[in-house]
Protein backbone atom coordinates (compact mmCIF):
# COMPACT_ATOMS: atom_id res chain seq x y z
CA MET A 1 94.66 63.57 26.88
CA MET A 2 94.33 67.34 27.22
CA ARG A 3 92.29 66.86 30.40
CA THR A 4 95.08 64.58 31.88
CA ALA A 5 97.76 67.13 31.13
CA TRP A 6 95.61 69.99 32.70
CA ILE A 7 95.17 67.85 35.82
CA ALA A 8 98.88 66.99 36.02
CA ALA A 9 99.78 70.66 35.58
CA LEU A 10 97.36 71.57 38.38
CA GLY A 11 98.89 68.87 40.51
CA CYS A 12 102.51 70.43 39.99
CA LEU A 13 101.21 73.79 40.69
CA THR A 14 99.77 72.57 44.00
CA VAL A 15 103.08 70.90 44.96
CA ALA A 16 105.04 73.96 43.99
CA VAL A 17 102.77 76.47 45.78
CA GLY A 18 102.01 74.40 48.92
CA PRO A 19 105.44 74.60 50.51
CA ALA A 20 105.68 78.21 49.74
CA LEU A 21 102.55 79.01 51.58
CA ALA A 22 103.62 76.93 54.55
CA GLN A 23 106.83 79.07 54.77
CA THR A 24 104.99 82.36 54.85
CA PRO A 25 106.46 84.29 57.76
CA SER A 26 104.20 85.31 60.63
CA PRO A 27 103.18 88.90 60.73
CA GLU A 28 105.52 91.33 62.28
CA ASP A 29 104.67 93.39 65.38
CA ASN A 30 103.34 96.86 64.60
CA ARG A 31 106.27 99.32 65.17
CA GLU A 32 103.86 102.23 65.71
CA MET A 33 102.07 100.41 68.46
CA ALA A 34 105.38 99.57 69.97
CA ALA A 35 106.35 103.17 70.06
CA MET A 36 102.99 104.20 71.56
CA PHE A 37 103.35 101.52 74.22
CA GLU A 38 106.89 102.73 75.05
CA ALA A 39 105.68 106.32 75.38
CA ASP A 40 102.74 105.19 77.65
CA GLN A 41 105.00 103.20 79.94
CA ALA A 42 107.80 105.91 79.98
CA ILE A 43 105.57 108.58 81.34
CA ARG A 44 104.31 106.30 84.12
CA THR A 45 107.77 105.23 85.18
CA ALA A 46 108.64 108.94 85.84
CA ILE A 47 105.81 109.37 88.35
CA ASP A 48 106.86 109.07 91.98
CA PRO A 49 103.74 107.95 94.01
CA ALA A 50 105.31 109.15 97.17
CA LYS A 51 105.34 112.80 95.88
CA LEU A 52 102.38 115.11 95.14
CA PRO A 53 101.58 114.97 91.49
CA ASP A 54 102.61 117.59 89.12
CA MET A 55 99.01 118.48 87.83
CA THR A 56 100.46 119.98 84.56
CA ALA A 57 102.35 116.71 83.83
CA ILE A 58 99.16 114.69 84.74
CA ARG A 59 97.01 116.76 82.37
CA ARG A 60 99.57 116.26 79.71
CA MET A 61 99.69 112.56 80.22
CA ILE A 62 95.87 112.24 80.21
CA ALA A 63 95.81 114.08 76.82
CA GLU A 64 98.65 112.00 75.42
CA ASP A 65 96.94 108.82 76.68
CA ALA A 66 93.67 109.82 74.83
CA ALA A 67 95.60 110.49 71.60
CA ARG A 68 97.32 107.14 71.73
CA ARG A 69 93.96 105.29 72.42
CA THR A 70 92.32 107.23 69.47
CA ARG A 71 95.23 106.04 67.09
CA ALA A 72 95.17 102.56 68.57
CA GLU A 73 91.44 102.20 68.00
CA ALA A 74 91.87 103.29 64.40
CA MET A 75 94.79 100.85 63.99
CA LEU A 76 92.57 98.03 65.39
CA ARG A 77 89.67 98.86 63.06
CA GLU A 78 91.85 99.05 59.98
CA GLY A 79 93.45 95.60 60.88
CA SER A 80 96.92 96.92 61.60
CA LEU A 81 97.19 95.06 65.05
CA THR A 82 97.39 91.41 64.50
CA THR A 83 100.06 89.91 66.67
CA ALA A 84 99.94 88.83 70.36
CA GLU A 85 102.37 91.62 71.20
CA ASP A 86 100.26 94.29 69.33
CA TYR A 87 97.14 93.17 71.37
CA TYR A 88 99.19 93.11 74.56
CA ARG A 89 100.50 96.65 74.07
CA ALA A 90 97.13 97.93 73.07
CA ALA A 91 95.49 96.45 76.18
CA PHE A 92 97.82 98.64 78.35
CA LEU A 93 96.86 101.83 76.35
CA PHE A 94 93.19 101.13 76.88
CA GLN A 95 93.74 100.08 80.50
CA HIS A 96 94.85 103.76 81.04
CA GLY A 97 91.52 104.82 79.72
CA SER A 98 88.86 107.07 81.29
CA LYS A 99 85.57 105.06 80.82
CA PRO A 100 84.24 101.55 81.26
CA ALA A 101 84.29 100.88 77.47
CA ASP A 102 88.08 101.49 77.39
CA TYR A 103 88.61 98.89 80.14
CA LEU A 104 86.40 96.32 78.53
CA LEU A 105 88.20 96.76 75.26
CA ALA A 106 91.40 96.55 77.10
CA HIS A 107 90.27 93.18 78.51
CA SER A 108 89.29 91.81 75.13
CA LEU A 109 92.73 92.85 73.74
CA ALA A 110 94.41 91.16 76.59
CA MET A 111 92.48 88.06 75.94
CA ALA A 112 93.45 88.26 72.25
CA ALA A 113 97.01 88.40 73.26
CA VAL A 114 96.68 85.40 75.44
CA ALA A 115 94.87 83.49 72.70
CA ARG A 116 97.80 84.21 70.44
CA GLY A 117 100.20 82.68 72.97
CA LYS A 118 101.33 85.54 75.12
CA THR A 119 101.10 84.20 78.59
CA GLU A 120 102.45 87.41 80.10
CA ALA A 121 99.06 88.92 79.18
CA ASN A 122 97.30 86.99 81.78
CA TRP A 123 97.86 89.69 84.28
CA ILE A 124 96.65 92.58 82.28
CA ALA A 125 93.62 90.46 81.43
CA ALA A 126 92.86 90.20 85.11
CA ALA A 127 93.68 93.91 85.73
CA THR A 128 91.43 95.17 82.94
CA LEU A 129 88.48 93.03 84.21
CA ASP A 130 89.08 94.35 87.72
CA ARG A 131 89.15 97.95 86.52
CA TYR A 132 86.06 97.49 84.35
CA LEU A 133 84.18 95.95 87.32
CA MET A 134 85.09 98.78 89.55
CA GLN A 135 84.06 101.41 86.99
CA ILE A 136 80.64 99.89 86.63
CA GLY A 137 80.14 99.88 90.43
CA GLN A 138 80.95 96.23 91.03
CA PRO A 139 83.74 94.77 93.22
CA GLN A 140 86.98 93.71 91.68
CA ILE A 141 87.74 90.15 91.83
CA TYR A 142 91.32 89.60 91.42
CA GLY A 143 92.74 92.37 93.59
CA THR A 144 94.84 94.23 90.96
CA GLN A 145 93.42 97.66 91.70
CA TYR A 146 94.69 100.02 94.51
CA LEU A 147 92.81 103.25 94.95
CA ARG A 148 93.46 106.27 97.28
CA ALA A 149 90.35 107.19 99.04
CA LYS A 150 90.42 110.80 100.62
CA GLU A 151 88.72 109.56 103.74
CA SER A 152 90.34 106.20 104.18
CA GLY A 153 93.64 106.40 102.29
CA PRO A 154 94.88 103.45 100.13
CA THR A 155 92.26 100.67 99.55
CA MET A 156 91.39 97.84 97.32
CA ASP A 157 87.63 98.01 98.10
CA PRO A 158 85.31 97.13 96.78
CA TYR A 159 86.84 93.76 96.41
CA ASP A 160 85.09 90.39 96.43
CA ARG A 161 87.92 88.39 97.98
CA SER A 162 85.97 85.04 98.14
CA LEU A 163 85.33 84.60 94.39
CA ILE A 164 88.79 83.90 92.94
CA PRO A 165 90.96 81.30 94.84
CA ASP A 166 94.72 81.94 95.21
CA SER A 167 95.33 79.01 92.88
CA LEU A 168 93.65 80.87 90.02
CA ARG A 169 95.44 84.07 90.96
CA THR A 170 98.69 82.09 90.67
CA THR A 171 97.74 80.83 87.12
CA LEU A 172 96.96 84.27 86.05
CA GLY A 173 100.11 85.88 87.42
CA VAL A 174 98.31 87.89 90.02
CA PRO A 175 99.64 88.26 93.52
CA LEU A 176 98.19 86.09 96.24
CA GLN A 177 95.87 87.76 98.73
CA ALA A 178 98.51 87.77 101.42
CA GLU A 179 101.06 89.55 99.16
CA GLN A 180 98.21 92.08 98.11
CA LEU A 181 97.49 92.82 101.83
CA LYS A 182 101.35 93.39 102.41
CA LYS A 183 101.49 95.90 99.48
CA LEU A 184 98.36 97.60 100.78
CA ASP A 185 99.80 97.91 104.25
CA ALA A 186 103.02 99.42 102.86
CA MET A 187 100.97 101.88 100.87
CA LYS A 188 99.13 102.93 103.99
CA ALA A 189 102.30 103.24 105.91
CA SER A 190 103.74 105.56 103.41
CA VAL A 191 100.82 108.03 103.49
CA PRO A 192 101.88 111.10 105.54
CA LYS A 193 99.87 111.49 108.67
CA PRO A 194 97.92 114.83 109.03
């Protein structure tokens, strides 16, 4: 009789706890990461690519970028970043890194954001892979990176234009090759002639 009462009590506990667990709210986006992302983006919107860069401002941006990445890496390691939005924002911070490992981590963060349901992270996933490939001496494959070469002006090279079809670019939110070429041509036309 005692065993039957215990099993019945356990069954009631399961019924009472089960719905409560099902209603547990999803984790909230990390506010500190949101603030770091806003700061990362704000400094970049203030840069006018048509003007010569203010090197003091660029040095300050690089130092602030490094500090944000250091903090973001600590947050990632301590488990403070858990949502799709957290991973998406962190991907941008590491995309603005300085070494291949930064770009590879950025790519992994972007993929985590996609896996958590943030389809807008598709583009940053492609861009981080392109940047990583270029930093290790390989051609980009999506065409998300534009560089200013001193001798040739704006370029997308090295770029393997044959690997990824435009249908996959569309799926990932990356501009089609024809649109990329128009942007490149516009960049070349805006460069002052010597």
